[in-house]
């Protein structure tokens, strides 16, 4: 769980703390990396079936392979992610801007954004955003999403219920 690695998103930090508490209370072993560096992120990537990122991502339309997570010591690009293993069947929840955006051309690692690269590397699912993500709204969304997942719903069911519930509450 990476929460607010750049130190400028207070709701992302609260999201990480809340999810860490929620998951550990349910007996889920979590690793919380608040000031996560590139090396720490890459070292942990293949060891976890759930990876949660609450921070900044940047999608670069003119160069999707350079789209990146912004970590404590700088950007980690989609192209760099394409070169490292992920845990087979992992779920990635990316509470960050445009984390699901991807290029249109074919060619692994050359035109795909972060979410597509993770799926091509073997992730079971990537929950991300195609637009700018609001820090406080991401917290509310992920609190609802994880409640649904912990209730035994599939990722698809949890997303559908989360969208419905958040829409009804404005």
Protein backbone atom coordinates (compact mmCIF):
# COMPACT_ATOMS: atom_id res chain seq x y z
CA UNK A 1 0.00 0.00 0.00
CA UNK A 2 1.57 3.22 -1.22
CA UNK A 3 -0.04 6.33 0.22
CA UNK A 4 0.98 9.89 -0.56
CA UNK A 5 4.61 9.21 -1.52
CA UNK A 6 5.19 12.86 -2.48
CA UNK A 7 3.74 14.21 0.78
CA UNK A 8 1.32 16.69 -0.82
CA UNK A 9 -2.00 14.79 -0.81
CA UNK A 10 -3.48 14.75 2.71
CA UNK A 11 -6.50 12.65 1.77
CA UNK A 12 -4.21 10.08 0.11
CA UNK A 13 -2.29 9.78 3.39
CA UNK A 14 -5.60 9.37 5.27
CA UNK A 15 -6.72 6.81 2.66
CA UNK A 16 -3.59 4.73 3.24
CA UNK A 17 -4.01 4.83 7.02
CA UNK A 18 -7.73 4.01 6.79
CA UNK A 19 -7.22 1.09 4.39
CA UNK A 20 -4.27 -0.25 6.39
CA UNK A 21 -6.43 -0.25 9.53
CA UNK A 22 -9.47 -1.73 7.72
CA UNK A 23 -7.47 -4.54 6.13
CA UNK A 24 -5.35 -5.45 9.18
CA UNK A 25 -8.52 -5.53 11.32
CA UNK A 26 -9.78 -8.21 8.92
CA UNK A 27 -6.55 -10.19 9.25
CA UNK A 28 -5.07 -9.08 5.93
CA UNK A 29 -1.31 -8.58 6.21
CA UNK A 30 -0.42 -5.19 4.74
CA UNK A 31 2.76 -3.32 4.01
CA UNK A 32 2.28 0.45 4.20
CA UNK A 33 4.85 2.50 2.26
CA UNK A 34 4.01 6.19 2.84
CA UNK A 35 7.23 7.73 1.42
CA UNK A 36 7.74 5.02 -1.16
CA UNK A 37 10.74 5.22 -3.49
CA UNK A 38 11.11 3.73 -6.95
CA UNK A 39 13.35 0.90 -5.71
CA UNK A 40 11.02 0.05 -2.79
CA UNK A 41 7.98 -0.05 -5.09
CA UNK A 42 9.72 -2.28 -7.63
CA UNK A 43 11.06 -4.58 -4.90
CA UNK A 44 7.57 -5.13 -3.45
CA UNK A 45 5.61 -5.38 -6.71
CA UNK A 46 5.86 -9.13 -7.30
CA UNK A 47 5.20 -10.09 -3.66
CA UNK A 48 1.63 -8.83 -3.22
CA UNK A 49 -1.76 -9.95 -4.52
CA UNK A 50 -3.20 -6.50 -3.81
CA UNK A 51 -1.37 -3.27 -4.61
CA UNK A 52 -3.02 0.00 -3.66
CA UNK A 53 -1.57 3.29 -4.86
CA UNK A 54 -2.88 6.64 -3.59
CA UNK A 55 -0.79 9.39 -5.10
CA UNK A 56 0.07 11.09 -8.36
CA UNK A 57 0.24 9.46 -11.77
CA UNK A 58 0.76 11.32 -15.02
CA UNK A 59 -0.47 10.04 -18.36
CA UNK A 60 1.49 11.42 -21.30
CA UNK A 61 -0.62 11.23 -24.46
CA UNK A 62 2.30 11.90 -26.77
CA UNK A 63 4.44 9.22 -25.10
CA UNK A 64 2.30 6.71 -23.12
CA UNK A 65 5.36 4.60 -22.21
CA UNK A 66 6.65 7.59 -20.23
CA UNK A 67 3.42 7.83 -18.23
CA UNK A 68 4.37 7.34 -14.61
CA UNK A 69 3.74 6.94 -10.92
CA UNK A 70 5.27 9.87 -9.05
CA UNK A 71 7.13 8.40 -6.08
CA UNK A 72 9.15 10.03 -3.30
CA UNK A 73 12.34 10.05 -5.38
CA UNK A 74 10.84 10.67 -8.83
CA UNK A 75 8.82 9.08 -11.63
CA UNK A 76 8.48 5.35 -12.29
CA UNK A 77 7.39 4.95 -15.91
CA UNK A 78 5.09 2.48 -17.62
CA UNK A 79 8.08 1.41 -19.71
CA UNK A 80 10.03 0.58 -16.54
CA UNK A 81 7.04 -1.33 -15.14
CA UNK A 82 6.95 -3.40 -18.34
CA UNK A 83 10.37 -4.82 -17.41
CA UNK A 84 9.55 -6.14 -13.92
CA UNK A 85 7.33 -9.00 -12.74
CA UNK A 86 4.03 -8.50 -10.94
CA UNK A 87 2.36 -11.06 -8.73
CA UNK A 88 0.27 -13.33 -10.99
CA UNK A 89 -3.38 -12.47 -10.63
CA UNK A 90 -2.82 -9.35 -8.50
CA UNK A 91 -5.43 -6.64 -8.07
CA UNK A 92 -4.14 -3.08 -8.51
CA UNK A 93 -6.25 -0.22 -7.15
CA UNK A 94 -4.84 3.05 -8.43
CA UNK A 95 -6.32 6.09 -6.74
CA UNK A 96 -4.63 8.56 -9.02
CA UNK A 97 -5.17 10.72 -12.11
CA UNK A 98 -5.52 9.05 -15.52
CA UNK A 99 -4.01 5.80 -14.26
CA UNK A 100 -6.16 3.74 -16.65
CA UNK A 101 -5.37 5.80 -19.77
CA UNK A 102 -3.51 4.07 -22.59
CA UNK A 103 -2.29 4.66 -26.14
CA UNK A 104 -3.97 3.31 -29.25
CA UNK A 105 -1.10 1.65 -31.10
CA UNK A 106 -0.07 -1.95 -30.54
CA UNK A 107 3.32 -2.92 -29.20
CA UNK A 108 3.95 -3.98 -25.61
CA UNK A 109 5.64 -1.37 -23.49
CA UNK A 110 5.75 1.25 -26.27
CA UNK A 111 2.29 2.78 -26.35
CA UNK A 112 0.57 1.47 -23.23
CA UNK A 113 -0.04 3.46 -20.08
CA UNK A 114 0.34 2.19 -16.53
CA UNK A 115 -2.93 0.24 -16.22
CA UNK A 116 -2.51 -1.59 -19.54
CA UNK A 117 1.09 -2.54 -18.75
CA UNK A 118 0.03 -4.03 -15.41
CA UNK A 119 -2.68 -6.08 -17.12
CA UNK A 120 -0.26 -7.30 -19.77
CA UNK A 121 2.19 -8.29 -17.03
CA UNK A 122 -0.43 -10.60 -15.51
CA UNK A 123 -2.52 -8.52 -13.12
CA UNK A 124 -6.05 -9.92 -12.74
CA UNK A 125 -7.58 -6.44 -12.59
CA UNK A 126 -6.62 -2.80 -12.49
CA UNK A 127 -9.01 -0.28 -10.98
CA UNK A 128 -7.96 3.14 -12.19
CA UNK A 129 -9.18 6.40 -13.62
CA UNK A 130 -9.48 7.76 -17.15
CA UNK A 131 -9.63 11.35 -15.86
CA UNK A 132 -8.28 13.56 -13.10
CA UNK A 133 -8.91 12.12 -9.64
CA UNK A 134 -9.86 14.32 -6.70
CA UNK A 135 -7.89 13.53 -3.54
CA UNK A 136 -10.88 13.61 -1.14
CA UNK A 137 -13.25 11.83 -3.53
CA UNK A 138 -10.71 9.06 -4.08
CA UNK A 139 -10.69 8.44 -0.33
CA UNK A 140 -14.50 8.10 -0.23
CA UNK A 141 -14.55 5.90 -3.34
CA UNK A 142 -11.89 3.51 -2.08
CA UNK A 143 -13.43 3.25 1.38
CA UNK A 144 -16.67 2.12 -0.27
CA UNK A 145 -14.86 -0.13 -2.78
CA UNK A 146 -12.90 -2.00 -0.11
CA UNK A 147 -16.01 -2.43 2.04
CA UNK A 148 -17.63 -4.15 -0.95
CA UNK A 149 -14.56 -6.30 -1.65
CA UNK A 150 -14.32 -7.35 2.00
CA UNK A 151 -18.02 -8.28 1.88
CA UNK A 152 -17.07 -10.90 -0.71
CA UNK A 153 -18.10 -9.14 -3.91
CA UNK A 154 -16.09 -9.54 -7.09
CA UNK A 155 -14.15 -6.53 -8.35
CA UNK A 156 -16.82 -5.92 -10.99
CA UNK A 157 -19.68 -6.14 -8.48
CA UNK A 158 -17.80 -3.97 -5.98
CA UNK A 159 -17.19 -1.27 -8.59
CA UNK A 160 -20.80 -1.29 -9.73
CA UNK A 161 -22.11 -1.02 -6.17
CA UNK A 162 -19.56 1.67 -5.28
CA UNK A 163 -20.53 3.80 -8.27
CA UNK A 164 -24.22 3.39 -7.47
CA UNK A 165 -23.79 4.20 -3.78
CA UNK A 166 -21.60 7.24 -4.39
CA UNK A 167 -23.92 8.53 -7.09
CA UNK A 168 -26.89 8.28 -4.70
CA UNK A 169 -25.02 10.26 -2.03
CA UNK A 170 -24.01 12.98 -4.51
